[in-house]
Protein backbone atom coordinates (compact mmCIF):
# COMPACT_ATOMS: atom_id res chain seq x y z
CA UNK A 1 12.37 -2.21 -23.06
CA UNK A 2 9.80 -2.94 -20.20
CA UNK A 3 7.19 -0.31 -19.51
CA UNK A 4 5.56 0.75 -16.37
CA UNK A 5 2.65 -1.77 -16.80
CA UNK A 6 5.12 -4.39 -17.37
CA UNK A 7 6.62 -3.82 -14.00
CA UNK A 8 3.36 -3.88 -12.27
CA UNK A 9 2.48 -7.19 -13.98
CA UNK A 10 5.90 -8.58 -12.96
CA UNK A 11 5.48 -7.56 -9.26
CA UNK A 12 2.08 -9.10 -9.11
CA UNK A 13 3.47 -12.30 -10.56
CA UNK A 14 6.17 -12.32 -8.05
CA UNK A 15 4.05 -11.77 -5.26
CA UNK A 16 1.63 -14.39 -6.20
CA UNK A 17 4.44 -17.07 -6.60
CA UNK A 18 5.71 -15.81 -3.29
CA UNK A 19 2.38 -17.11 -1.77
CA UNK A 20 1.77 -20.02 -4.17
CA UNK A 21 4.98 -21.83 -3.99
CA UNK A 22 5.13 -22.60 -0.24
CA UNK A 23 1.51 -23.42 -0.01
CA UNK A 24 1.62 -25.79 -2.94
CA UNK A 25 4.87 -27.69 -1.79
CA UNK A 26 3.17 -28.06 1.63
CA UNK A 27 0.09 -29.40 0.02
CA UNK A 28 1.91 -31.92 -2.30
CA UNK A 29 5.08 -33.50 -3.10
CA UNK A 30 4.95 -32.07 -6.65
CA UNK A 31 3.80 -28.88 -8.24
CA UNK A 32 3.95 -27.08 -11.68
CA UNK A 33 4.21 -23.54 -12.64
CA UNK A 34 3.76 -22.74 -16.16
CA UNK A 35 4.50 -19.58 -17.99
CA UNK A 36 3.14 -19.27 -21.69
CA UNK A 37 3.67 -16.22 -23.94
CA UNK A 38 1.94 -15.26 -27.42
CA UNK A 39 5.02 -12.90 -27.81
CA UNK A 40 8.38 -12.66 -26.03
CA UNK A 41 8.66 -13.80 -22.48
CA UNK A 42 12.02 -11.95 -21.85
CA UNK A 43 12.42 -10.66 -18.20
CA UNK A 44 9.34 -12.20 -16.84
CA UNK A 45 10.46 -15.76 -16.94
CA UNK A 46 13.93 -14.91 -15.29
CA UNK A 47 11.99 -12.98 -12.41
CA UNK A 48 9.69 -15.84 -11.76
CA UNK A 49 12.70 -18.22 -11.39
CA UNK A 50 14.54 -16.11 -8.97
CA UNK A 51 11.18 -16.33 -6.79
CA UNK A 52 12.08 -19.88 -6.15
CA UNK A 53 15.33 -19.33 -4.58
CA UNK A 54 13.34 -18.05 -1.71
CA UNK A 55 12.12 -21.55 -0.58
CA UNK A 56 14.47 -24.00 -2.16
CA UNK A 57 14.75 -25.51 1.40
CA UNK A 58 11.06 -26.68 1.00
CA UNK A 59 12.10 -28.71 -2.07
CA UNK A 60 13.76 -31.50 -0.28
CA UNK A 61 11.67 -34.59 -0.97
CA UNK A 62 9.52 -32.62 -3.31
CA UNK A 63 9.57 -31.72 -6.98
CA UNK A 64 8.85 -28.31 -8.53
CA UNK A 65 8.54 -28.10 -12.36
CA UNK A 66 8.67 -24.88 -14.25
CA UNK A 67 7.61 -24.84 -17.80
CA UNK A 68 8.30 -21.90 -20.09
CA UNK A 69 6.47 -21.70 -23.59
CA UNK A 70 7.36 -18.66 -25.78
CA UNK A 71 7.96 -18.07 -29.52
CA UNK A 72 11.56 -16.87 -28.58
CA UNK A 73 12.50 -19.89 -26.52
CA UNK A 74 15.79 -20.27 -28.06
CA UNK A 75 16.68 -16.68 -27.09
CA UNK A 76 15.23 -17.13 -23.48
CA UNK A 77 17.02 -20.38 -22.57
CA UNK A 78 20.39 -18.98 -22.05
CA UNK A 79 19.17 -16.38 -19.58
CA UNK A 80 17.13 -18.85 -17.80
CA UNK A 81 20.23 -21.28 -17.57
CA UNK A 82 22.25 -18.36 -16.23
CA UNK A 83 19.72 -17.54 -13.48
CA UNK A 84 19.35 -21.22 -12.60
CA UNK A 85 23.24 -21.42 -12.13
CA UNK A 86 22.98 -18.57 -9.62
CA UNK A 87 20.40 -20.10 -7.47
CA UNK A 88 20.91 -22.46 -4.51
CA UNK A 89 18.63 -24.98 -6.40
CA UNK A 90 18.29 -28.73 -5.80
CA UNK A 91 17.94 -31.07 -8.67
CA UNK A 92 14.23 -31.22 -7.71
CA UNK A 93 13.68 -27.96 -9.14
CA UNK A 94 13.37 -28.60 -12.87
CA UNK A 95 13.08 -25.89 -15.62
CA UNK A 96 11.92 -26.59 -19.16
CA UNK A 97 12.00 -23.84 -21.92
CA UNK A 98 10.34 -24.83 -25.03
CA UNK A 99 9.17 -22.94 -28.12
CA UNK A 100 5.42 -22.36 -28.40
CA UNK A 101 2.71 -20.26 -27.17
CA UNK A 102 -0.45 -20.72 -25.02
CA UNK A 103 -1.92 -23.45 -27.26
CA UNK A 104 0.96 -25.74 -26.44
CA UNK A 105 0.07 -25.59 -22.62
CA UNK A 106 -2.16 -28.83 -22.41
CA UNK A 107 0.60 -31.01 -23.99
CA UNK A 108 3.22 -29.25 -21.97
CA UNK A 109 1.39 -29.84 -18.79
CA UNK A 110 0.97 -33.59 -19.67
CA UNK A 111 4.53 -33.90 -20.55
CA UNK A 112 5.37 -32.49 -17.12
CA UNK A 113 3.16 -34.95 -15.24
CA UNK A 114 1.27 -32.02 -13.75
CA UNK A 115 -2.04 -34.11 -13.24
CA UNK A 116 -3.38 -34.43 -9.66
CA UNK A 117 -1.04 -31.87 -8.14
CA UNK A 118 -1.06 -28.15 -7.78
CA UNK A 119 -0.68 -26.05 -11.02
CA UNK A 120 -0.32 -22.26 -11.48
CA UNK A 121 -0.26 -20.86 -14.86
CA UNK A 122 0.83 -17.34 -16.08
CA UNK A 123 -0.41 -16.63 -19.50
CA UNK A 124 0.31 -13.73 -21.67
CA UNK A 125 -2.01 -13.74 -24.79
CA UNK A 126 -2.22 -11.68 -27.85
CA UNK A 127 -5.43 -13.59 -29.12
CA UNK A 128 -8.28 -15.14 -27.40
CA UNK A 129 -7.04 -18.20 -25.44
CA UNK A 130 -8.14 -21.81 -26.42
CA UNK A 131 -10.72 -23.19 -23.84
CA UNK A 132 -8.46 -26.42 -23.68
CA UNK A 133 -5.56 -24.20 -22.24
CA UNK A 134 -7.66 -23.02 -19.46
CA UNK A 135 -9.22 -26.40 -18.90
CA UNK A 136 -6.02 -27.98 -18.61
CA UNK A 137 -4.84 -25.46 -15.91
CA UNK A 138 -8.08 -25.86 -14.02
CA UNK A 139 -7.53 -29.58 -13.92
CA UNK A 140 -4.68 -29.11 -11.35
CA UNK A 141 -5.43 -29.99 -7.81
CA UNK A 142 -5.71 -27.13 -7.43
CA UNK A 143 -5.42 -25.16 -10.50
CA UNK A 144 -5.20 -21.30 -10.81
CA UNK A 145 -4.27 -18.92 -13.46
CA UNK A 146 -3.00 -15.31 -13.89
CA UNK A 147 -4.15 -14.21 -17.43
CA UNK A 148 -2.83 -11.08 -19.00
CA UNK A 149 -4.54 -9.74 -22.08
CA UNK A 150 -3.70 -7.08 -24.60
CA UNK A 151 -6.26 -5.11 -26.51
CA UNK A 152 -6.15 -7.50 -29.41
CA UNK A 153 -6.70 -10.56 -27.22
CA UNK A 154 -9.65 -8.84 -25.61
CA UNK A 155 -11.47 -7.99 -28.98
CA UNK A 156 -14.80 -9.99 -28.75
CA UNK A 157 -13.45 -12.24 -26.02
CA UNK A 158 -15.35 -12.69 -22.77
CA UNK A 159 -12.54 -13.97 -20.60
CA UNK A 160 -14.49 -14.11 -17.56
CA UNK A 161 -16.96 -16.51 -19.16
CA UNK A 162 -14.17 -18.50 -20.71
CA UNK A 163 -12.47 -18.84 -17.30
CA UNK A 164 -15.79 -20.06 -15.48
CA UNK A 165 -16.64 -22.48 -18.32
CA UNK A 166 -13.10 -23.93 -17.84
CA UNK A 167 -13.87 -24.79 -14.31
CA UNK A 168 -12.84 -21.70 -12.38
CA UNK A 169 -15.51 -20.77 -9.90
CA UNK A 170 -13.93 -17.55 -8.67
CA UNK A 171 -12.72 -14.88 -11.05
CA UNK A 172 -11.49 -11.41 -10.69
CA UNK A 173 -9.92 -8.78 -13.02
CA UNK A 174 -8.37 -5.17 -13.37
CA UNK A 175 -7.36 -3.00 -16.10
CA UNK A 176 -3.78 -1.46 -15.70
CA UNK A 177 -3.98 1.87 -17.44
CA UNK A 178 -0.78 4.27 -18.44
CA UNK A 179 -0.66 7.13 -20.60
CA UNK A 180 -0.14 4.91 -23.80
CA UNK A 181 -1.29 1.40 -23.02
CA UNK A 182 -4.00 -0.48 -21.36
CA UNK A 183 -3.77 -4.24 -20.27
CA UNK A 184 -6.03 -6.56 -18.41
CA UNK A 185 -4.91 -8.95 -15.72
CA UNK A 186 -7.47 -11.52 -14.83
CA UNK A 187 -6.98 -14.08 -11.83
CA UNK A 188 -9.03 -17.24 -11.53
CA UNK A 189 -8.99 -19.98 -8.81
CA UNK A 190 -11.11 -22.44 -6.87
CA UNK A 191 -10.03 -21.16 -3.46
CA UNK A 192 -11.27 -18.10 -1.92
CA UNK A 193 -7.98 -17.59 0.18
CA UNK A 194 -6.00 -17.41 -3.03
CA UNK A 195 -8.41 -14.90 -4.56
CA UNK A 196 -8.18 -12.75 -1.40
CA UNK A 197 -4.43 -13.21 -1.32
CA UNK A 198 -4.12 -11.89 -5.02
CA UNK A 199 -6.22 -8.92 -4.12
CA UNK A 200 -4.21 -8.07 -1.33
CA UNK A 201 -1.07 -8.28 -3.52
CA UNK A 202 -2.72 -6.29 -6.24
CA UNK A 203 -2.99 -3.19 -3.82
CA UNK A 204 0.43 -3.72 -2.27
CA UNK A 205 2.56 -3.47 -5.28
CA UNK A 206 4.79 -0.31 -5.70
CA UNK A 207 3.28 2.70 -7.20
CA UNK A 208 4.82 2.83 -10.63
CA UNK A 209 4.81 6.33 -12.31
CA UNK A 210 1.74 6.79 -14.57
CA UNK A 211 -0.14 3.37 -13.93
CA UNK A 212 -3.47 3.31 -12.49
CA UNK A 213 -6.23 0.57 -11.94
CA UNK A 214 -9.61 0.71 -13.64
CA UNK A 215 -12.53 -1.65 -13.20
CA UNK A 216 -13.38 -3.22 -16.35
CA UNK A 217 -17.18 -3.11 -15.37
CA UNK A 218 -17.21 0.47 -14.10
CA UNK A 219 -19.28 2.15 -16.86
CA UNK A 220 -17.77 5.64 -15.83
CA UNK A 221 -14.30 4.10 -16.22
CA UNK A 222 -12.78 5.88 -13.09
CA UNK A 223 -9.08 5.53 -12.65
CA UNK A 224 -7.78 4.60 -9.23
CA UNK A 225 -4.45 5.10 -7.80
CA UNK A 226 -2.61 2.01 -6.44
CA UNK A 227 -2.50 2.40 -2.79
CA UNK A 228 -2.86 0.25 0.36
CA UNK A 229 -5.94 2.47 1.08
CA UNK A 230 -7.53 2.92 -2.35
CA UNK A 231 -10.25 5.64 -2.99
CA UNK A 232 -13.53 4.03 -1.98
CA UNK A 233 -15.74 6.08 -4.33
CA UNK A 234 -16.23 3.50 -7.17
CA UNK A 235 -16.88 0.76 -4.48
CA UNK A 236 -19.64 2.85 -3.08
CA UNK A 237 -21.36 3.33 -6.48
CA UNK A 238 -20.77 -0.47 -7.36
CA UNK A 239 -22.12 -1.67 -3.99
CA UNK A 240 -25.22 0.69 -4.15
CA UNK A 241 -25.91 -0.46 -7.80
CA UNK A 242 -25.67 -4.12 -6.72
CA UNK A 243 -27.96 -3.46 -3.85
CA UNK A 244 -30.49 -1.82 -6.15
CA UNK A 245 -30.64 -4.76 -8.49
CA UNK A 246 -30.80 -7.58 -5.77
CA UNK A 247 -32.87 -5.72 -3.22
CA UNK A 248 -30.83 -6.82 -0.08
CA UNK A 249 -27.77 -8.77 0.64
CA UNK A 250 -25.68 -9.98 3.71
CA UNK A 251 -22.51 -8.45 4.64
CA UNK A 252 -20.87 -11.84 3.59
CA UNK A 253 -22.57 -11.60 0.31
CA UNK A 254 -21.42 -8.17 -0.32
CA UNK A 255 -17.85 -8.96 0.46
CA UNK A 256 -17.86 -11.88 -2.04
CA UNK A 257 -19.40 -9.43 -4.69
CA UNK A 258 -16.80 -7.06 -3.97
CA UNK A 259 -13.79 -9.62 -4.25
CA UNK A 260 -15.15 -11.30 -7.38
CA UNK A 261 -17.03 -8.27 -9.35
CA UNK A 262 -14.95 -5.39 -8.53
CA UNK A 263 -11.20 -4.40 -8.16
CA UNK A 264 -11.65 -4.07 -4.50
CA UNK A 265 -10.71 -6.32 -1.71
CA UNK A 266 -13.42 -8.02 0.60
CA UNK A 267 -11.96 -5.96 3.76
CA UNK A 268 -12.79 -2.79 1.84
CA UNK A 269 -16.59 -3.85 1.87
CA UNK A 270 -16.99 -3.31 5.68
CA UNK A 271 -15.48 0.15 5.47
CA UNK A 272 -17.67 1.30 2.59
CA UNK A 273 -20.95 -0.16 4.13
CA UNK A 274 -20.28 1.49 7.50
CA UNK A 275 -20.03 4.74 5.49
CA UNK A 276 -23.22 4.10 3.52
CA UNK A 277 -24.82 3.41 6.94
CA UNK A 278 -23.70 6.72 8.42
CA UNK A 279 -24.79 8.70 5.38
CA UNK A 280 -28.28 6.95 5.57
CA UNK A 281 -28.02 5.42 2.05
CA UNK A 282 -28.63 1.97 3.33
CA UNK A 283 -30.31 0.19 6.17
CA UNK A 284 -29.30 -2.96 8.22
CA UNK A 285 -31.04 -5.63 10.15
CA UNK A 286 -30.45 -5.99 12.91
CA UNK A 287 -29.98 -2.32 13.56
CA UNK A 288 -27.51 -2.52 16.17
CA UNK A 289 -24.32 -4.40 17.10
CA UNK A 290 -21.25 -5.40 15.27
CA UNK A 291 -21.26 -5.35 11.36
CA UNK A 292 -20.84 -9.08 11.06
CA UNK A 293 -21.24 -11.38 8.07
CA UNK A 294 -24.95 -12.17 8.71
CA UNK A 295 -26.03 -8.51 8.93
CA UNK A 296 -28.41 -7.98 6.00
CA UNK A 297 -27.99 -4.57 4.15
CA UNK A 298 -30.71 -2.85 2.01
CA UNK A 299 -31.01 0.32 0.01
CA UNK A 300 -32.98 2.97 1.78
């Protein structure tokens, strides 16, 4: 039975697909969505397929291929077939469900003729991910990945370094914490707009009972309620620590730091910087005027 963390992850995936699908089909005449599971993919694959019913009108003259890799593929396939029959799906929406796991992704993407077109991969791993898997997704034009790791997969595994080494320049992550479980969700892309959209979706998901966010790099491990207006305390501390390290930074640089190195959105940066200025904890150059991207902030 799915728990509250699974519900949050599912909504994050659905929201990302809602944005990715139309953008990919406007950009290219073909696109590939890959789901790969180290364990059961029950429930998540069906939810993803239902998203595509929202924009089947865009599939005229275009091809969208959905590939599902899971150890329980034989058990998943009847449910996926049933959902497909419910949809107003044209023949250009193609679904493949195959036995396997994340390690089979490079072969599956090649078989789906994914090269040279948009690729989005959702990967749930119970072990460190083979670099070839991430590189195969990064080869998409563009490619992006939502990587979900349990505790066993994170043991000794630097997922951020692995994603960057595979060719993803922009990486962000967050821990989902409930009373009895912790799971990490990482998102990697080459497009700043995609990263901003993922962060917006992250804070817009429904508040599921008992699930909160935690920044993997917060040494104090503060838990943050899921809210459109998240508590700014952890971001204040992280920005001050970053400024103490770099000496000074433009607002644009601080926004980039926020979106890629914290769980917060770029838009949260200006609000927190304004609060720090008012409290006299930082200075700005120039001293007056709008808090635009080229304003330089330094610790006092």
